[in-house]
Amino acid sequence: MTELVEFENETGEPEMGTFSHSFAKSQLTILLSEKQKFRAMVELSLDATQVDLSQFGLKNQNELIPDISIYQRGGHRPKKGRDILKISEMPLLVIEILSPKQGLDDIIAKFEAYFALGVKSCWLVIPLNESITVYSAPEHFKTFGNENTEVIDEIMAIQLPIKEIFDPENF
């Protein structure tokens, strides 16, 4: 039997980010929005009803909420005075930032679902060891860390300086 993965803590509340989690999320959002000319959306609800998420061991059956979703600029915008509750257009790139209470298997299961939904690239960011693993498919990835000066995503044609993502001097 497949174990279903929940993304809430014991009290039923969604996981909240730590300082390092929040810092990495902020830096990536800024760098990708300004320097790379993408639209970075934080905690956006993605409509995943076109795929059965239980096949990936995910409990939520109709939506996924990545830490950061990356779109080309100029995509969907709600009409003034309205909002979009779930986005049906999948992002080009999703970024998940590992929190201290989160398991790596949980994120890998989400990556499998994202790729099945048509996402082109997924990043796993681990603030504690200052590394980013870029996935171009569920089993095809490359890790960038202290020995690298840049994170390179060939699918998305993105190059970001690692120091600017993790260095608290940027705070």
N, C-alpha and C. Protein backbone atom coordinates (compact mmCIF):
# COMPACT_ATOMS: atom_id res chain seq x y z
N MET A 1 0.84 -1.19 0.00
CA MET A 1 0.00 0.00 0.00
C MET A 1 0.88 1.24 0.00
N THR A 2 0.48 2.23 -0.75
CA THR A 2 1.24 3.46 -0.86
C THR A 2 0.91 4.38 0.31
N GLU A 3 1.95 4.95 0.91
CA GLU A 3 1.74 5.91 1.99
C GLU A 3 1.43 7.27 1.39
N LEU A 4 0.39 7.91 1.89
CA LEU A 4 0.03 9.24 1.40
C LEU A 4 0.78 10.28 2.20
N VAL A 5 1.30 11.28 1.53
CA VAL A 5 2.12 12.30 2.14
C VAL A 5 1.27 13.52 2.43
N GLU A 6 1.32 14.00 3.67
CA GLU A 6 0.63 15.23 4.04
C GLU A 6 1.64 16.35 4.13
N PHE A 7 1.21 17.58 3.89
CA PHE A 7 2.10 18.71 3.95
C PHE A 7 1.70 19.66 5.07
N GLU A 8 1.30 19.11 6.20
CA GLU A 8 0.95 19.91 7.37
C GLU A 8 1.66 19.31 8.56
N ASN A 9 1.83 20.11 9.61
CA ASN A 9 2.44 19.58 10.82
C ASN A 9 1.39 18.89 11.69
N GLU A 10 1.80 18.46 12.88
CA GLU A 10 0.90 17.68 13.74
C GLU A 10 -0.36 18.43 14.15
N THR A 11 -0.31 19.75 14.21
CA THR A 11 -1.48 20.53 14.63
C THR A 11 -2.45 20.79 13.49
N GLY A 12 -2.10 20.34 12.29
CA GLY A 12 -2.97 20.56 11.14
C GLY A 12 -2.69 21.86 10.42
N GLU A 13 -1.74 22.64 10.94
CA GLU A 13 -1.38 23.90 10.30
C GLU A 13 -0.35 23.65 9.21
N PRO A 14 -0.37 24.44 8.14
CA PRO A 14 0.66 24.30 7.11
C PRO A 14 2.04 24.61 7.70
N GLU A 15 3.07 23.96 7.15
CA GLU A 15 4.43 24.21 7.59
C GLU A 15 4.79 25.67 7.33
N MET A 16 5.42 26.30 8.30
CA MET A 16 5.89 27.66 8.13
C MET A 16 7.39 27.63 7.95
N GLY A 17 7.91 28.57 7.20
CA GLY A 17 9.33 28.60 6.89
C GLY A 17 10.16 29.18 8.02
N THR A 18 11.39 28.73 8.08
CA THR A 18 12.37 29.26 9.00
C THR A 18 13.02 30.49 8.37
N PHE A 19 13.95 31.11 9.10
CA PHE A 19 14.67 32.26 8.55
C PHE A 19 15.37 31.87 7.25
N SER A 20 16.12 30.76 7.28
CA SER A 20 16.88 30.34 6.09
C SER A 20 15.95 30.02 4.92
N HIS A 21 14.82 29.38 5.21
CA HIS A 21 13.82 29.05 4.19
C HIS A 21 13.28 30.34 3.56
N SER A 22 12.89 31.26 4.41
CA SER A 22 12.32 32.52 3.94
C SER A 22 13.35 33.35 3.18
N PHE A 23 14.58 33.38 3.68
CA PHE A 23 15.64 34.15 3.02
C PHE A 23 15.90 33.61 1.62
N ALA A 24 16.05 32.30 1.49
CA ALA A 24 16.30 31.69 0.17
C ALA A 24 15.13 31.96 -0.77
N LYS A 25 13.90 31.85 -0.25
CA LYS A 25 12.72 32.11 -1.08
C LYS A 25 12.70 33.56 -1.57
N SER A 26 13.00 34.48 -0.69
CA SER A 26 13.02 35.90 -1.07
C SER A 26 14.09 36.18 -2.11
N GLN A 27 15.29 35.67 -1.87
CA GLN A 27 16.39 35.92 -2.80
C GLN A 27 16.11 35.33 -4.18
N LEU A 28 15.61 34.10 -4.22
CA LEU A 28 15.30 33.47 -5.51
C LEU A 28 14.20 34.23 -6.25
N THR A 29 13.20 34.68 -5.52
CA THR A 29 12.11 35.43 -6.13
C THR A 29 12.64 36.72 -6.76
N ILE A 30 13.48 37.43 -6.03
CA ILE A 30 14.06 38.67 -6.54
C ILE A 30 14.95 38.40 -7.75
N LEU A 31 15.87 37.45 -7.61
CA LEU A 31 16.83 37.18 -8.69
C LEU A 31 16.14 36.72 -9.97
N LEU A 32 15.15 35.85 -9.84
CA LEU A 32 14.48 35.33 -11.03
C LEU A 32 13.54 36.37 -11.65
N SER A 33 12.96 37.23 -10.84
CA SER A 33 12.05 38.26 -11.36
C SER A 33 12.82 39.39 -12.03
N GLU A 34 13.87 39.86 -11.38
CA GLU A 34 14.58 41.03 -11.89
C GLU A 34 15.64 40.68 -12.93
N LYS A 35 16.51 39.76 -12.60
CA LYS A 35 17.65 39.48 -13.47
C LYS A 35 17.33 38.52 -14.60
N GLN A 36 16.36 37.65 -14.41
CA GLN A 36 16.06 36.63 -15.41
C GLN A 36 14.80 36.93 -16.21
N LYS A 37 14.08 37.98 -15.85
CA LYS A 37 12.90 38.41 -16.61
C LYS A 37 11.76 37.40 -16.60
N PHE A 38 11.61 36.73 -15.47
CA PHE A 38 10.48 35.81 -15.30
C PHE A 38 9.50 36.42 -14.32
N ARG A 39 8.33 35.83 -14.24
CA ARG A 39 7.35 36.18 -13.22
C ARG A 39 7.45 35.10 -12.14
N ALA A 40 7.92 35.48 -10.96
CA ALA A 40 8.04 34.54 -9.84
C ALA A 40 6.84 34.71 -8.93
N MET A 41 6.09 33.63 -8.74
CA MET A 41 4.89 33.64 -7.90
C MET A 41 5.14 32.76 -6.68
N VAL A 42 4.88 33.29 -5.50
CA VAL A 42 5.13 32.58 -4.25
C VAL A 42 3.84 31.94 -3.74
N GLU A 43 3.94 30.65 -3.34
CA GLU A 43 2.81 29.93 -2.73
C GLU A 43 1.54 29.98 -3.58
N LEU A 44 1.67 29.79 -4.87
CA LEU A 44 0.54 29.83 -5.81
C LEU A 44 -0.13 28.46 -5.88
N SER A 45 -1.45 28.41 -5.79
CA SER A 45 -2.19 27.15 -5.89
C SER A 45 -2.31 26.73 -7.35
N LEU A 46 -1.77 25.55 -7.66
CA LEU A 46 -1.83 25.01 -9.02
C LEU A 46 -2.93 23.97 -9.11
N ASP A 47 -3.78 24.08 -10.10
CA ASP A 47 -4.86 23.12 -10.32
C ASP A 47 -4.26 21.83 -10.88
N ALA A 48 -4.31 20.78 -10.09
CA ALA A 48 -3.71 19.50 -10.48
C ALA A 48 -4.76 18.43 -10.74
N THR A 49 -5.99 18.84 -11.05
CA THR A 49 -7.07 17.86 -11.22
C THR A 49 -6.91 16.99 -12.46
N GLN A 50 -6.06 17.38 -13.40
CA GLN A 50 -5.89 16.58 -14.61
C GLN A 50 -5.03 15.34 -14.39
N VAL A 51 -4.42 15.21 -13.20
CA VAL A 51 -3.59 14.04 -12.87
C VAL A 51 -4.02 13.51 -11.51
N ASP A 52 -4.05 12.20 -11.36
CA ASP A 52 -4.37 11.58 -10.07
C ASP A 52 -3.13 11.64 -9.18
N LEU A 53 -3.12 12.57 -8.23
CA LEU A 53 -1.95 12.77 -7.39
C LEU A 53 -1.66 11.60 -6.45
N SER A 54 -2.66 10.76 -6.20
CA SER A 54 -2.42 9.61 -5.31
C SER A 54 -1.41 8.63 -5.90
N GLN A 55 -1.24 8.62 -7.23
CA GLN A 55 -0.24 7.74 -7.83
C GLN A 55 1.18 8.12 -7.43
N PHE A 56 1.35 9.35 -6.92
CA PHE A 56 2.66 9.80 -6.45
C PHE A 56 2.74 9.77 -4.93
N GLY A 57 1.69 9.24 -4.30
CA GLY A 57 1.65 9.17 -2.84
C GLY A 57 1.28 10.49 -2.19
N LEU A 58 0.65 11.38 -2.94
CA LEU A 58 0.27 12.69 -2.40
C LEU A 58 -1.18 12.66 -1.96
N LYS A 59 -1.43 13.19 -0.79
CA LYS A 59 -2.77 13.14 -0.22
C LYS A 59 -3.73 14.14 -0.87
N ASN A 60 -3.27 15.36 -1.09
CA ASN A 60 -4.14 16.38 -1.68
C ASN A 60 -4.45 15.98 -3.12
N GLN A 61 -5.70 15.86 -3.44
CA GLN A 61 -6.11 15.32 -4.73
C GLN A 61 -6.35 16.34 -5.83
N ASN A 62 -6.31 17.65 -5.50
CA ASN A 62 -6.67 18.59 -6.56
C ASN A 62 -5.78 19.82 -6.70
N GLU A 63 -4.78 19.98 -5.85
CA GLU A 63 -3.90 21.13 -6.01
C GLU A 63 -2.52 20.86 -5.44
N LEU A 64 -1.56 21.57 -5.98
CA LEU A 64 -0.19 21.58 -5.47
C LEU A 64 0.20 23.03 -5.25
N ILE A 65 0.98 23.28 -4.21
CA ILE A 65 1.39 24.65 -3.91
C ILE A 65 2.91 24.67 -3.71
N PRO A 66 3.65 24.95 -4.77
CA PRO A 66 5.10 25.03 -4.63
C PRO A 66 5.51 26.31 -3.89
N ASP A 67 6.72 26.30 -3.34
CA ASP A 67 7.23 27.52 -2.71
C ASP A 67 7.30 28.66 -3.72
N ILE A 68 7.83 28.37 -4.91
CA ILE A 68 7.93 29.38 -5.96
C ILE A 68 7.55 28.75 -7.30
N SER A 69 6.71 29.43 -8.06
CA SER A 69 6.34 29.02 -9.42
C SER A 69 6.88 30.07 -10.37
N ILE A 70 7.54 29.64 -11.44
CA ILE A 70 8.15 30.56 -12.39
C ILE A 70 7.42 30.48 -13.73
N TYR A 71 6.96 31.63 -14.20
CA TYR A 71 6.28 31.77 -15.48
C TYR A 71 7.03 32.78 -16.34
N GLN A 72 6.82 32.72 -17.65
CA GLN A 72 7.26 33.80 -18.52
C GLN A 72 6.43 35.03 -18.16
N ARG A 73 7.00 36.18 -18.27
CA ARG A 73 6.24 37.41 -17.99
C ARG A 73 5.06 37.53 -18.96
N GLY A 74 3.99 38.16 -18.48
CA GLY A 74 2.85 38.44 -19.35
C GLY A 74 1.76 37.39 -19.33
N GLY A 75 1.78 36.47 -18.40
CA GLY A 75 0.77 35.41 -18.35
C GLY A 75 -0.56 35.89 -17.82
N HIS A 76 -1.34 34.95 -17.28
CA HIS A 76 -2.68 35.26 -16.77
C HIS A 76 -2.64 36.29 -15.65
N ARG A 77 -3.60 37.19 -15.71
CA ARG A 77 -3.81 38.15 -14.64
C ARG A 77 -5.30 38.24 -14.40
N PRO A 78 -5.69 38.28 -13.14
CA PRO A 78 -7.13 38.41 -12.87
C PRO A 78 -7.63 39.80 -13.26
N LYS A 79 -8.91 39.86 -13.55
CA LYS A 79 -9.52 41.16 -13.81
C LYS A 79 -9.52 41.95 -12.51
N LYS A 80 -9.49 43.24 -12.64
CA LYS A 80 -9.48 44.11 -11.47
C LYS A 80 -10.66 43.78 -10.56
N GLY A 81 -10.40 43.62 -9.28
CA GLY A 81 -11.45 43.30 -8.32
C GLY A 81 -11.75 41.82 -8.20
N ARG A 82 -11.02 40.98 -8.94
CA ARG A 82 -11.22 39.53 -8.88
C ARG A 82 -9.88 38.85 -8.60
N ASP A 83 -9.96 37.58 -8.28
CA ASP A 83 -8.74 36.81 -8.03
C ASP A 83 -8.88 35.44 -8.68
N ILE A 84 -7.78 34.77 -8.84
CA ILE A 84 -7.77 33.41 -9.38
C ILE A 84 -7.40 32.48 -8.23
N LEU A 85 -8.31 31.57 -7.87
CA LEU A 85 -8.07 30.69 -6.72
C LEU A 85 -7.07 29.59 -7.02
N LYS A 86 -7.14 29.02 -8.22
CA LYS A 86 -6.20 27.99 -8.65
C LYS A 86 -5.84 28.26 -10.10
N ILE A 87 -4.57 28.17 -10.39
CA ILE A 87 -4.07 28.40 -11.74
C ILE A 87 -4.01 27.07 -12.48
N SER A 88 -4.64 27.01 -13.64
CA SER A 88 -4.61 25.78 -14.43
C SER A 88 -3.37 25.69 -15.31
N GLU A 89 -2.80 26.83 -15.68
CA GLU A 89 -1.57 26.83 -16.48
C GLU A 89 -0.38 26.49 -15.58
N MET A 90 0.32 25.44 -15.92
CA MET A 90 1.46 25.02 -15.12
C MET A 90 2.65 25.95 -15.35
N PRO A 91 3.43 26.19 -14.30
CA PRO A 91 4.63 27.01 -14.47
C PRO A 91 5.69 26.28 -15.28
N LEU A 92 6.65 27.01 -15.78
CA LEU A 92 7.78 26.40 -16.48
C LEU A 92 8.72 25.73 -15.48
N LEU A 93 8.85 26.34 -14.31
CA LEU A 93 9.78 25.89 -13.28
C LEU A 93 9.09 26.00 -11.93
N VAL A 94 9.28 24.99 -11.08
CA VAL A 94 8.85 25.09 -9.69
C VAL A 94 10.07 24.94 -8.80
N ILE A 95 10.04 25.65 -7.69
CA ILE A 95 11.13 25.60 -6.72
C ILE A 95 10.54 25.21 -5.37
N GLU A 96 11.10 24.17 -4.79
CA GLU A 96 10.72 23.74 -3.44
C GLU A 96 11.94 23.93 -2.54
N ILE A 97 11.71 24.54 -1.38
CA ILE A 97 12.78 24.79 -0.42
C ILE A 97 12.57 23.88 0.78
N LEU A 98 13.54 23.04 1.05
CA LEU A 98 13.44 22.06 2.12
C LEU A 98 13.46 22.76 3.47
N SER A 99 12.45 22.48 4.29
CA SER A 99 12.42 23.00 5.65
C SER A 99 12.91 21.91 6.59
N PRO A 100 13.35 22.28 7.80
CA PRO A 100 13.91 21.28 8.72
C PRO A 100 12.97 20.12 9.06
N LYS A 101 11.67 20.35 9.02
CA LYS A 101 10.71 19.29 9.38
C LYS A 101 10.17 18.53 8.18
N GLN A 102 10.66 18.86 7.01
CA GLN A 102 10.15 18.26 5.77
C GLN A 102 11.08 17.15 5.32
N GLY A 103 10.49 16.08 4.77
CA GLY A 103 11.29 14.98 4.25
C GLY A 103 11.60 15.14 2.78
N LEU A 104 12.76 14.68 2.39
CA LEU A 104 13.17 14.74 0.99
C LEU A 104 12.23 13.93 0.11
N ASP A 105 11.76 12.78 0.60
CA ASP A 105 10.83 11.95 -0.17
C ASP A 105 9.55 12.71 -0.52
N ASP A 106 9.10 13.56 0.40
CA ASP A 106 7.89 14.36 0.16
C ASP A 106 8.07 15.26 -1.06
N ILE A 107 9.22 15.89 -1.13
CA ILE A 107 9.48 16.81 -2.24
C ILE A 107 9.67 16.05 -3.54
N ILE A 108 10.36 14.93 -3.51
CA ILE A 108 10.57 14.14 -4.73
C ILE A 108 9.22 13.66 -5.27
N ALA A 109 8.30 13.28 -4.40
CA ALA A 109 6.96 12.87 -4.84
C ALA A 109 6.26 14.04 -5.54
N LYS A 110 6.40 15.23 -4.98
CA LYS A 110 5.81 16.41 -5.62
C LYS A 110 6.46 16.67 -6.98
N PHE A 111 7.78 16.49 -7.08
CA PHE A 111 8.47 16.70 -8.36
C PHE A 111 7.93 15.75 -9.43
N GLU A 112 7.70 14.50 -9.06
CA GLU A 112 7.13 13.53 -10.01
C GLU A 112 5.78 14.02 -10.52
N ALA A 113 4.97 14.56 -9.61
CA ALA A 113 3.66 15.09 -10.00
C ALA A 113 3.82 16.32 -10.90
N TYR A 114 4.72 17.22 -10.53
CA TYR A 114 4.94 18.42 -11.36
C TYR A 114 5.34 18.05 -12.78
N PHE A 115 6.26 17.10 -12.93
CA PHE A 115 6.67 16.69 -14.28
C PHE A 115 5.51 16.06 -15.04
N ALA A 116 4.69 15.26 -14.36
CA ALA A 116 3.52 14.65 -15.01
C ALA A 116 2.53 15.72 -15.48
N LEU A 117 2.51 16.86 -14.79
CA LEU A 117 1.62 17.97 -15.14
C LEU A 117 2.20 18.88 -16.22
N GLY A 118 3.43 18.64 -16.64
CA GLY A 118 4.02 19.41 -17.72
C GLY A 118 5.04 20.46 -17.32
N VAL A 119 5.41 20.52 -16.04
CA VAL A 119 6.45 21.45 -15.60
C VAL A 119 7.77 21.02 -16.24
N LYS A 120 8.56 21.97 -16.71
CA LYS A 120 9.80 21.66 -17.44
C LYS A 120 11.00 21.40 -16.54
N SER A 121 11.04 22.07 -15.38
CA SER A 121 12.20 21.98 -14.50
C SER A 121 11.75 22.15 -13.05
N CYS A 122 12.44 21.46 -12.14
CA CYS A 122 12.16 21.57 -10.70
C CYS A 122 13.47 21.77 -9.95
N TRP A 123 13.45 22.66 -8.98
CA TRP A 123 14.64 22.89 -8.16
C TRP A 123 14.35 22.50 -6.72
N LEU A 124 15.29 21.80 -6.12
CA LEU A 124 15.26 21.49 -4.69
C LEU A 124 16.33 22.34 -4.03
N VAL A 125 15.91 23.25 -3.17
CA VAL A 125 16.82 24.15 -2.48
C VAL A 125 16.96 23.68 -1.04
N ILE A 126 18.21 23.48 -0.61
CA ILE A 126 18.48 23.06 0.77
C ILE A 126 19.31 24.15 1.43
N PRO A 127 18.66 25.05 2.18
CA PRO A 127 19.38 26.17 2.80
C PRO A 127 20.49 25.75 3.77
N LEU A 128 20.28 24.68 4.53
CA LEU A 128 21.25 24.32 5.55
C LEU A 128 22.62 23.96 4.99
N ASN A 129 22.68 23.35 3.81
CA ASN A 129 23.99 23.06 3.22
C ASN A 129 24.25 23.92 1.97
N GLU A 130 23.40 24.92 1.78
CA GLU A 130 23.53 25.89 0.69
C GLU A 130 23.71 25.21 -0.66
N SER A 131 22.78 24.31 -0.97
CA SER A 131 22.83 23.62 -2.26
C SER A 131 21.49 23.73 -2.98
N ILE A 132 21.57 23.62 -4.30
CA ILE A 132 20.38 23.59 -5.14
C ILE A 132 20.56 22.45 -6.13
N THR A 133 19.57 21.56 -6.16
CA THR A 133 19.58 20.47 -7.13
C THR A 133 18.55 20.80 -8.20
N VAL A 134 19.00 20.83 -9.44
CA VAL A 134 18.16 21.16 -10.59
C VAL A 134 17.76 19.86 -11.27
N TYR A 135 16.45 19.60 -11.32
CA TYR A 135 15.89 18.40 -11.95
C TYR A 135 15.33 18.78 -13.32
N SER A 136 15.75 18.06 -14.36
CA SER A 136 15.16 18.23 -15.68
C SER A 136 14.20 17.08 -15.98
N ALA A 137 14.18 16.08 -15.11
CA ALA A 137 13.28 14.93 -15.14
C ALA A 137 13.39 14.29 -13.75
N PRO A 138 12.43 13.45 -13.36
CA PRO A 138 12.48 12.89 -12.02
C PRO A 138 13.80 12.19 -11.65
N GLU A 139 14.46 11.58 -12.61
CA GLU A 139 15.70 10.87 -12.30
C GLU A 139 16.92 11.49 -12.97
N HIS A 140 16.78 12.70 -13.46
CA HIS A 140 17.90 13.39 -14.11
C HIS A 140 18.09 14.74 -13.41
N PHE A 141 19.21 14.87 -12.70
CA PHE A 141 19.42 16.08 -11.92
C PHE A 141 20.91 16.37 -11.75
N LYS A 142 21.18 17.62 -11.36
CA LYS A 142 22.55 18.05 -11.06
C LYS A 142 22.50 18.96 -9.85
N THR A 143 23.43 18.74 -8.92
CA THR A 143 23.48 19.52 -7.69
C THR A 143 24.58 20.57 -7.76
N PHE A 144 24.24 21.78 -7.30
CA PHE A 144 25.18 22.90 -7.25
C PHE A 144 25.32 23.33 -5.79
N GLY A 145 26.55 23.52 -5.34
CA GLY A 145 26.78 23.90 -3.95
C GLY A 145 27.97 24.83 -3.81
N ASN A 146 28.63 24.75 -2.65
CA ASN A 146 29.74 25.64 -2.33
C ASN A 146 30.88 25.61 -3.34
N GLU A 147 31.08 24.48 -3.99
CA GLU A 147 32.17 24.37 -4.96
C GLU A 147 31.82 25.03 -6.30
N ASN A 148 30.57 25.44 -6.46
CA ASN A 148 30.12 26.10 -7.69
C ASN A 148 29.92 27.59 -7.45
N THR A 149 30.09 28.38 -8.49
CA THR A 149 29.81 29.81 -8.36
C THR A 149 28.39 30.14 -8.82
N GLU A 150 27.82 29.27 -9.66
CA GLU A 150 26.49 29.53 -10.20
C GLU A 150 25.62 28.27 -10.17
N VAL A 151 24.33 28.51 -10.12
CA VAL A 151 23.34 27.46 -10.38
C VAL A 151 23.00 27.59 -11.85
N ILE A 152 23.05 26.48 -12.58
CA ILE A 152 22.76 26.52 -14.01
C ILE A 152 21.62 25.56 -14.32
N ASP A 153 20.56 26.11 -14.91
CA ASP A 153 19.43 25.31 -15.37
C ASP A 153 19.42 25.42 -16.89
N GLU A 154 19.91 24.38 -17.55
CA GLU A 154 20.02 24.42 -19.01
C GLU A 154 18.66 24.44 -19.70
N ILE A 155 17.67 23.76 -19.13
CA ILE A 155 16.32 23.73 -19.72
C ILE A 155 15.73 25.14 -19.77
N MET A 156 15.91 25.88 -18.69
CA MET A 156 15.32 27.22 -18.57
C MET A 156 16.28 28.33 -19.00
N ALA A 157 17.51 27.98 -19.33
CA ALA A 157 18.55 28.97 -19.68
C ALA A 157 18.73 29.99 -18.56
N ILE A 158 18.86 29.47 -17.34
CA ILE A 158 19.03 30.32 -16.15
C ILE A 158 20.42 30.07 -15.57
N GLN A 159 21.08 31.16 -15.20
CA GLN A 159 22.34 31.10 -14.46
C GLN A 159 22.23 32.11 -13.33
N LEU A 160 22.33 31.62 -12.08
CA LEU A 160 22.25 32.50 -10.92
C LEU A 160 23.47 32.30 -10.03
N PRO A 161 24.02 33.38 -9.49
CA PRO A 161 25.14 33.24 -8.56
C PRO A 161 24.67 32.66 -7.23
N ILE A 162 25.28 31.55 -6.81
CA ILE A 162 24.87 30.89 -5.57
C ILE A 162 25.03 31.81 -4.37
N LYS A 163 26.10 32.58 -4.33
CA LYS A 163 26.35 33.46 -3.19
C LYS A 163 25.18 34.42 -2.95
N GLU A 164 24.56 34.91 -4.01
CA GLU A 164 23.45 35.85 -3.85
C GLU A 164 22.19 35.18 -3.31
N ILE A 165 22.09 33.87 -3.42
CA ILE A 165 20.92 33.15 -2.93
C ILE A 165 21.02 32.88 -1.44
N PHE A 166 22.21 32.51 -0.97
CA PHE A 166 22.36 32.06 0.41
C PHE A 166 23.11 33.00 1.34
N ASP A 167 23.86 33.95 0.82
CA ASP A 167 24.73 34.79 1.64
C ASP A 167 23.92 35.79 2.46
N PRO A 168 23.98 35.69 3.81
CA PRO A 168 23.22 36.62 4.65
C PRO A 168 23.70 38.07 4.54
N GLU A 169 24.86 38.29 3.92
CA GLU A 169 25.32 39.67 3.67
C GLU A 169 24.34 40.39 2.75
N ASN A 170 23.54 39.63 2.00
CA ASN A 170 22.53 40.22 1.12
C ASN A 170 21.27 40.62 1.87
N PHE A 171 21.23 40.35 3.17
CA PHE A 171 20.04 40.61 3.98
C PHE A 171 19.88 42.09 4.24
